[in-house]
N, C-alpha and C. Protein backbone atom coordinates (compact mmCIF):
# COMPACT_ATOMS: atom_id res chain seq x y z
N UNK A 1 14.31 5.12 8.22
CA UNK A 1 13.67 5.69 7.05
C UNK A 1 12.16 5.50 7.19
N UNK A 2 11.42 6.43 6.66
CA UNK A 2 9.96 6.36 6.79
C UNK A 2 9.36 5.46 5.73
N UNK A 3 8.21 4.97 5.99
CA UNK A 3 7.51 4.06 5.10
C UNK A 3 6.71 4.82 4.06
N UNK A 4 6.75 4.39 2.83
CA UNK A 4 6.06 5.09 1.76
C UNK A 4 4.56 4.95 1.86
N UNK A 5 4.12 3.90 2.40
CA UNK A 5 2.69 3.69 2.38
C UNK A 5 2.22 3.20 3.73
N UNK A 6 1.37 3.92 4.33
CA UNK A 6 0.86 3.44 5.60
C UNK A 6 -0.27 2.52 5.25
N UNK A 7 -0.01 1.85 4.31
CA UNK A 7 -0.91 0.96 3.66
C UNK A 7 -0.24 0.22 2.56
N UNK A 8 -0.37 0.13 1.45
CA UNK A 8 -0.35 -0.23 0.03
C UNK A 8 -1.30 -1.34 -0.09
N UNK A 9 -1.90 -1.13 0.00
CA UNK A 9 -2.55 -1.85 -1.03
C UNK A 9 -1.88 -1.36 -2.11
N UNK A 10 -1.55 -0.97 -1.98
CA UNK A 10 -1.16 -0.66 -3.33
C UNK A 10 -2.37 -0.98 -4.00
N UNK A 11 -2.32 -1.58 -4.54
CA UNK A 11 -3.28 -2.04 -5.46
C UNK A 11 -4.31 -2.62 -4.53
N UNK A 12 -4.43 -1.96 -3.51
CA UNK A 12 -4.98 -2.11 -2.21
C UNK A 12 -3.97 -1.63 -1.19
N UNK A 13 -2.49 -1.17 -1.36
CA UNK A 13 -1.35 -0.84 -0.46
C UNK A 13 -1.66 -0.56 1.04
N UNK A 14 -1.67 -1.53 2.12
CA UNK A 14 -1.89 -1.30 3.56
C UNK A 14 -0.61 -1.46 4.37
N UNK A 15 -0.59 -1.74 5.58
CA UNK A 15 0.65 -1.71 6.33
C UNK A 15 0.98 -2.87 7.26
N UNK A 16 2.14 -3.06 7.44
CA UNK A 16 2.85 -3.97 8.30
C UNK A 16 2.16 -5.22 8.82
N UNK A 17 2.84 -5.89 9.71
CA UNK A 17 2.37 -7.19 10.21
C UNK A 17 1.19 -7.02 11.15
N UNK A 18 0.39 -8.07 11.33
CA UNK A 18 -0.70 -7.97 12.28
C UNK A 18 -0.20 -7.55 13.66
N UNK A 19 -0.95 -6.67 14.30
CA UNK A 19 -0.61 -6.17 15.62
C UNK A 19 -0.93 -7.24 16.65
N UNK A 20 0.10 -7.79 17.26
CA UNK A 20 -0.10 -8.87 18.23
C UNK A 20 -0.21 -8.34 19.66
N UNK A 21 -0.21 -7.02 19.81
CA UNK A 21 -0.32 -6.44 21.14
C UNK A 21 -1.77 -6.33 21.59
N UNK A 22 -2.72 -6.57 20.72
CA UNK A 22 -4.13 -6.48 21.08
C UNK A 22 -4.51 -7.67 21.94
N UNK A 23 -5.28 -7.38 22.97
CA UNK A 23 -5.68 -8.46 23.85
C UNK A 23 -7.18 -8.65 23.86
N UNK A 24 -7.92 -7.77 23.18
CA UNK A 24 -9.36 -7.94 23.15
C UNK A 24 -9.77 -8.81 21.98
N UNK A 25 -11.05 -9.00 21.79
CA UNK A 25 -11.54 -9.89 20.74
C UNK A 25 -11.85 -9.18 19.43
N UNK A 26 -11.38 -7.95 19.26
CA UNK A 26 -11.62 -7.24 18.01
C UNK A 26 -10.79 -7.89 16.90
N UNK A 27 -11.18 -7.57 15.66
CA UNK A 27 -10.44 -8.17 14.54
C UNK A 27 -8.97 -7.78 14.60
N UNK A 28 -8.14 -8.68 14.17
CA UNK A 28 -6.71 -8.43 14.12
C UNK A 28 -6.45 -7.42 13.02
N UNK A 29 -5.54 -6.50 13.26
CA UNK A 29 -5.25 -5.49 12.26
C UNK A 29 -3.75 -5.33 12.07
N UNK A 30 -3.41 -4.46 11.12
CA UNK A 30 -2.01 -4.14 10.87
C UNK A 30 -1.53 -3.17 11.95
N UNK A 31 -0.24 -3.13 12.14
CA UNK A 31 0.34 -2.24 13.13
C UNK A 31 -0.03 -0.78 12.82
N UNK A 32 -0.09 0.01 13.86
CA UNK A 32 -0.41 1.44 13.68
C UNK A 32 0.83 2.30 13.80
N UNK A 33 1.99 1.70 13.88
CA UNK A 33 3.21 2.48 14.11
C UNK A 33 3.56 3.44 12.97
N UNK A 34 2.98 3.26 11.80
CA UNK A 34 3.27 4.16 10.67
C UNK A 34 2.10 5.10 10.37
N UNK A 35 1.08 5.07 11.18
CA UNK A 35 -0.14 5.84 10.86
C UNK A 35 0.06 7.34 10.81
N UNK A 36 1.07 7.87 11.47
CA UNK A 36 1.24 9.33 11.51
C UNK A 36 2.36 9.85 10.63
N UNK A 37 2.84 9.05 9.69
CA UNK A 37 3.87 9.55 8.78
C UNK A 37 3.23 10.48 7.77
N UNK A 38 4.04 11.35 7.20
CA UNK A 38 3.58 12.32 6.21
C UNK A 38 3.74 11.69 4.81
N UNK A 39 2.68 11.08 4.33
CA UNK A 39 2.73 10.43 3.02
C UNK A 39 3.02 11.41 1.90
N UNK A 40 2.48 12.61 2.01
CA UNK A 40 2.69 13.64 0.98
C UNK A 40 4.18 13.93 0.82
N UNK A 41 4.87 14.04 1.94
CA UNK A 41 6.31 14.30 1.92
C UNK A 41 7.06 13.17 1.21
N UNK A 42 6.69 11.94 1.50
CA UNK A 42 7.36 10.79 0.90
C UNK A 42 7.04 10.70 -0.59
N UNK A 43 5.78 10.88 -0.94
CA UNK A 43 5.39 10.78 -2.35
C UNK A 43 6.06 11.85 -3.20
N UNK A 44 6.35 12.99 -2.60
CA UNK A 44 6.98 14.08 -3.34
C UNK A 44 8.50 14.09 -3.23
N UNK A 45 9.07 13.07 -2.62
CA UNK A 45 10.51 12.93 -2.53
C UNK A 45 10.90 11.75 -3.41
N UNK A 46 11.33 12.02 -4.62
CA UNK A 46 11.58 10.96 -5.61
C UNK A 46 12.61 9.95 -5.11
N UNK A 47 13.59 10.41 -4.32
CA UNK A 47 14.60 9.49 -3.81
C UNK A 47 13.96 8.44 -2.89
N UNK A 48 13.12 8.88 -1.96
CA UNK A 48 12.44 7.94 -1.07
C UNK A 48 11.45 7.07 -1.83
N UNK A 49 10.68 7.70 -2.69
CA UNK A 49 9.69 6.95 -3.47
C UNK A 49 10.37 5.85 -4.29
N UNK A 50 11.46 6.20 -4.94
CA UNK A 50 12.19 5.21 -5.75
C UNK A 50 12.73 4.06 -4.91
N UNK A 51 13.21 4.36 -3.70
CA UNK A 51 13.74 3.30 -2.83
C UNK A 51 12.66 2.28 -2.50
N UNK A 52 11.47 2.77 -2.13
CA UNK A 52 10.39 1.86 -1.80
C UNK A 52 9.86 1.14 -3.03
N UNK A 53 9.76 1.84 -4.12
CA UNK A 53 9.30 1.23 -5.37
C UNK A 53 10.25 0.10 -5.76
N UNK A 54 11.55 0.38 -5.77
CA UNK A 54 12.53 -0.65 -6.16
C UNK A 54 12.53 -1.83 -5.20
N UNK A 55 12.29 -1.57 -3.94
CA UNK A 55 12.16 -2.67 -2.96
C UNK A 55 10.95 -3.53 -3.33
N UNK A 56 9.82 -2.90 -3.56
CA UNK A 56 8.59 -3.64 -3.83
C UNK A 56 8.65 -4.48 -5.10
N UNK A 57 9.38 -3.99 -6.10
CA UNK A 57 9.48 -4.76 -7.35
C UNK A 57 10.74 -5.62 -7.40
N UNK A 58 11.45 -5.67 -6.26
CA UNK A 58 12.64 -6.49 -6.11
C UNK A 58 13.77 -6.11 -7.06
N UNK A 59 13.94 -4.80 -7.26
CA UNK A 59 15.05 -4.30 -8.07
C UNK A 59 16.02 -3.49 -7.23
N UNK A 60 15.81 -3.51 -5.92
CA UNK A 60 16.69 -2.77 -5.02
C UNK A 60 16.60 -3.33 -3.62
N UNK A 61 17.50 -2.84 -2.77
CA UNK A 61 17.50 -3.27 -1.38
C UNK A 61 16.29 -2.71 -0.65
N UNK A 62 15.85 -3.43 0.37
CA UNK A 62 14.72 -3.01 1.18
C UNK A 62 15.17 -2.60 2.57
N UNK A 63 14.59 -1.53 3.06
CA UNK A 63 14.76 -1.18 4.47
C UNK A 63 13.89 -2.15 5.26
N UNK A 64 13.99 -2.11 6.56
CA UNK A 64 13.12 -2.93 7.41
C UNK A 64 11.67 -2.60 7.12
N UNK A 65 11.36 -1.31 7.02
CA UNK A 65 9.99 -0.88 6.73
C UNK A 65 9.53 -1.38 5.37
N UNK A 66 10.41 -1.30 4.40
CA UNK A 66 10.07 -1.78 3.06
C UNK A 66 9.78 -3.27 3.04
N UNK A 67 10.57 -4.02 3.80
CA UNK A 67 10.34 -5.47 3.89
C UNK A 67 8.98 -5.76 4.50
N UNK A 68 8.63 -5.03 5.55
CA UNK A 68 7.32 -5.22 6.19
C UNK A 68 6.20 -4.92 5.19
N UNK A 69 6.35 -3.85 4.48
CA UNK A 69 5.35 -3.47 3.49
C UNK A 69 5.20 -4.55 2.42
N UNK A 70 6.31 -5.02 1.91
CA UNK A 70 6.30 -6.04 0.87
C UNK A 70 5.63 -7.32 1.35
N UNK A 71 5.77 -7.63 2.62
CA UNK A 71 5.15 -8.83 3.17
C UNK A 71 3.63 -8.75 3.27
N UNK A 72 3.11 -7.54 3.53
CA UNK A 72 1.67 -7.44 3.74
C UNK A 72 0.88 -7.11 2.48
N UNK A 73 1.53 -6.66 1.42
CA UNK A 73 0.80 -6.29 0.20
C UNK A 73 -0.10 -7.42 -0.29
N UNK A 74 0.39 -8.66 -0.41
CA UNK A 74 -0.50 -9.72 -0.89
C UNK A 74 -1.74 -9.92 -0.01
N UNK A 75 -1.55 -9.86 1.31
CA UNK A 75 -2.68 -10.02 2.22
C UNK A 75 -3.67 -8.87 2.09
N UNK A 76 -3.16 -7.66 2.01
CA UNK A 76 -4.03 -6.49 1.88
C UNK A 76 -4.84 -6.55 0.59
N UNK A 77 -4.21 -6.99 -0.47
CA UNK A 77 -4.93 -7.14 -1.74
C UNK A 77 -6.01 -8.21 -1.65
N UNK A 78 -5.63 -9.33 -1.07
CA UNK A 78 -6.54 -10.46 -0.98
C UNK A 78 -7.76 -10.15 -0.13
N UNK A 79 -7.54 -9.43 0.97
CA UNK A 79 -8.63 -9.18 1.92
C UNK A 79 -9.32 -7.84 1.73
N UNK A 80 -8.94 -7.09 0.71
CA UNK A 80 -9.55 -5.77 0.52
C UNK A 80 -9.20 -4.82 1.65
N UNK A 81 -8.03 -5.00 2.21
CA UNK A 81 -7.53 -4.15 3.29
C UNK A 81 -8.44 -4.25 4.52
N UNK A 82 -9.00 -5.41 4.74
CA UNK A 82 -9.93 -5.59 5.86
C UNK A 82 -9.26 -5.45 7.22
N UNK A 83 -7.94 -5.59 7.28
CA UNK A 83 -7.21 -5.43 8.54
C UNK A 83 -6.73 -4.00 8.72
N UNK A 84 -7.02 -3.13 7.76
CA UNK A 84 -6.61 -1.74 7.83
C UNK A 84 -7.60 -0.94 8.67
N UNK A 85 -7.07 0.03 9.42
CA UNK A 85 -7.95 0.96 10.10
C UNK A 85 -8.31 2.08 9.12
N UNK A 86 -9.16 2.99 9.53
CA UNK A 86 -9.62 4.04 8.61
C UNK A 86 -8.48 4.93 8.12
N UNK A 87 -7.54 5.23 8.99
CA UNK A 87 -6.41 6.07 8.60
C UNK A 87 -5.56 5.35 7.54
N UNK A 88 -5.37 4.07 7.70
CA UNK A 88 -4.59 3.30 6.73
C UNK A 88 -5.33 3.22 5.40
N UNK A 89 -6.64 3.05 5.44
CA UNK A 89 -7.42 3.02 4.20
C UNK A 89 -7.31 4.36 3.47
N UNK A 90 -7.35 5.45 4.22
CA UNK A 90 -7.20 6.77 3.60
C UNK A 90 -5.80 6.90 2.99
N UNK A 91 -4.80 6.35 3.67
CA UNK A 91 -3.44 6.37 3.14
C UNK A 91 -3.31 5.56 1.87
N UNK A 92 -3.97 4.42 1.84
CA UNK A 92 -3.98 3.58 0.64
C UNK A 92 -4.55 4.37 -0.53
N UNK A 93 -5.67 5.00 -0.28
CA UNK A 93 -6.30 5.78 -1.35
C UNK A 93 -5.40 6.92 -1.82
N UNK A 94 -4.77 7.60 -0.88
CA UNK A 94 -3.87 8.70 -1.23
C UNK A 94 -2.71 8.22 -2.10
N UNK A 95 -2.10 7.11 -1.71
CA UNK A 95 -0.96 6.58 -2.46
C UNK A 95 -1.41 6.08 -3.84
N UNK A 96 -2.52 5.36 -3.89
CA UNK A 96 -3.01 4.86 -5.18
C UNK A 96 -3.33 6.00 -6.13
N UNK A 97 -4.01 6.99 -5.62
CA UNK A 97 -4.38 8.15 -6.45
C UNK A 97 -3.11 8.81 -7.01
N UNK A 98 -2.12 8.99 -6.14
CA UNK A 98 -0.87 9.61 -6.57
C UNK A 98 -0.19 8.77 -7.65
N UNK A 99 -0.05 7.47 -7.40
CA UNK A 99 0.63 6.61 -8.36
C UNK A 99 -0.10 6.57 -9.70
N UNK A 100 -1.41 6.48 -9.66
CA UNK A 100 -2.18 6.40 -10.90
C UNK A 100 -2.13 7.71 -11.67
N UNK A 101 -2.22 8.82 -10.98
CA UNK A 101 -2.27 10.13 -11.65
C UNK A 101 -0.90 10.69 -12.00
N UNK A 102 0.13 10.39 -11.20
CA UNK A 102 1.43 11.04 -11.41
C UNK A 102 2.58 10.10 -11.70
N UNK A 103 2.42 8.84 -11.37
CA UNK A 103 3.48 7.85 -11.60
C UNK A 103 2.85 6.58 -12.15
N UNK A 104 2.15 6.73 -13.24
CA UNK A 104 1.40 5.58 -13.80
C UNK A 104 2.32 4.41 -14.13
N UNK A 105 3.53 4.70 -14.58
CA UNK A 105 4.45 3.61 -14.89
C UNK A 105 4.79 2.80 -13.63
N UNK A 106 4.90 3.45 -12.49
CA UNK A 106 5.13 2.74 -11.23
C UNK A 106 3.92 1.86 -10.90
N UNK A 107 2.75 2.46 -11.00
CA UNK A 107 1.53 1.71 -10.70
C UNK A 107 1.42 0.48 -11.59
N UNK A 108 1.65 0.67 -12.89
CA UNK A 108 1.54 -0.45 -13.83
C UNK A 108 2.54 -1.56 -13.52
N UNK A 109 3.76 -1.18 -13.15
CA UNK A 109 4.76 -2.19 -12.83
C UNK A 109 4.42 -2.93 -11.53
N UNK A 110 3.92 -2.19 -10.55
CA UNK A 110 3.50 -2.82 -9.29
C UNK A 110 2.30 -3.74 -9.53
N UNK A 111 1.37 -3.31 -10.36
CA UNK A 111 0.21 -4.14 -10.68
C UNK A 111 0.65 -5.42 -11.39
N UNK A 112 1.62 -5.29 -12.29
CA UNK A 112 2.13 -6.47 -13.00
C UNK A 112 2.75 -7.47 -12.03
N UNK A 113 3.44 -6.96 -11.02
CA UNK A 113 4.09 -7.84 -10.05
C UNK A 113 3.09 -8.46 -9.08
N UNK A 114 2.21 -7.63 -8.51
CA UNK A 114 1.32 -8.10 -7.45
C UNK A 114 -0.05 -8.55 -7.93
N UNK A 115 -0.36 -8.30 -9.20
CA UNK A 115 -1.66 -8.69 -9.75
C UNK A 115 -1.50 -9.05 -11.23
N UNK A 116 -0.64 -10.03 -11.53
CA UNK A 116 -0.32 -10.34 -12.93
C UNK A 116 -1.53 -10.76 -13.77
N UNK A 117 -2.55 -11.30 -13.15
CA UNK A 117 -3.73 -11.74 -13.89
C UNK A 117 -4.84 -10.69 -13.89
N UNK A 118 -4.61 -9.56 -13.23
CA UNK A 118 -5.60 -8.49 -13.21
C UNK A 118 -6.82 -8.77 -12.34
N UNK A 119 -6.71 -9.74 -11.45
CA UNK A 119 -7.83 -10.13 -10.60
C UNK A 119 -8.23 -8.99 -9.66
N UNK A 120 -7.25 -8.38 -9.01
CA UNK A 120 -7.55 -7.34 -8.04
C UNK A 120 -7.98 -6.04 -8.72
N UNK A 121 -7.37 -5.75 -9.87
CA UNK A 121 -7.79 -4.55 -10.59
C UNK A 121 -9.28 -4.65 -10.93
N UNK A 122 -9.67 -5.81 -11.38
CA UNK A 122 -11.08 -6.01 -11.72
C UNK A 122 -11.95 -5.97 -10.46
N UNK A 123 -11.48 -6.62 -9.39
CA UNK A 123 -12.23 -6.70 -8.14
C UNK A 123 -12.47 -5.31 -7.53
N UNK A 124 -11.49 -4.42 -7.61
CA UNK A 124 -11.58 -3.11 -6.97
C UNK A 124 -11.94 -1.97 -7.93
N UNK A 125 -12.18 -2.29 -9.18
CA UNK A 125 -12.44 -1.26 -10.18
C UNK A 125 -13.66 -0.40 -9.84
N UNK A 126 -14.75 -1.00 -9.46
CA UNK A 126 -15.97 -0.25 -9.17
C UNK A 126 -15.77 0.68 -7.96
N UNK A 127 -15.10 0.18 -6.93
CA UNK A 127 -14.84 1.00 -5.75
C UNK A 127 -13.92 2.17 -6.10
N UNK A 128 -12.91 1.91 -6.89
CA UNK A 128 -12.01 2.98 -7.31
C UNK A 128 -12.77 4.04 -8.10
N UNK A 129 -13.64 3.59 -9.00
CA UNK A 129 -14.42 4.52 -9.81
C UNK A 129 -15.32 5.39 -8.93
N UNK A 130 -15.94 4.80 -7.90
CA UNK A 130 -16.78 5.58 -6.96
C UNK A 130 -15.96 6.69 -6.31
N UNK A 131 -14.69 6.45 -6.12
CA UNK A 131 -13.81 7.43 -5.46
C UNK A 131 -13.11 8.34 -6.46
N UNK A 132 -13.49 8.23 -7.73
CA UNK A 132 -12.92 9.09 -8.74
C UNK A 132 -11.54 8.69 -9.21
N UNK A 133 -11.19 7.41 -9.03
CA UNK A 133 -9.88 6.92 -9.44
C UNK A 133 -10.09 6.05 -10.67
N UNK A 134 -9.41 6.40 -11.75
CA UNK A 134 -9.54 5.63 -12.99
C UNK A 134 -8.41 4.64 -13.09
N UNK A 135 -8.75 3.37 -12.94
CA UNK A 135 -7.73 2.32 -13.06
C UNK A 135 -7.45 2.07 -14.53
């Protein structure tokens, strides 16, 4: 099954575990194995979207991809997606924009789970506003 977010931050939504195949001294990043998935297709498929959403909020079973995503969300939020490449950051923005504009109840529930004190919402509010996203 494909991954819903080649990112999440969600609330920063980025992707998977650090890539340990790198041998140079560049910063460690998330895996790129999901970078070419069609996020639009997943976001517009309610069955897939619901599966990943329920995994992330622990109300349903997780695929392997969903488990990977759930593991990195806290790190991506904490670090401002600093381990994300540009494609992953664009994916994060695409997913966030979609959730906020079309599935606000999903966004709110994810924010409650991954940012119960509103720390990250406050931290990323100005950047979101610059990009035309109203948190």
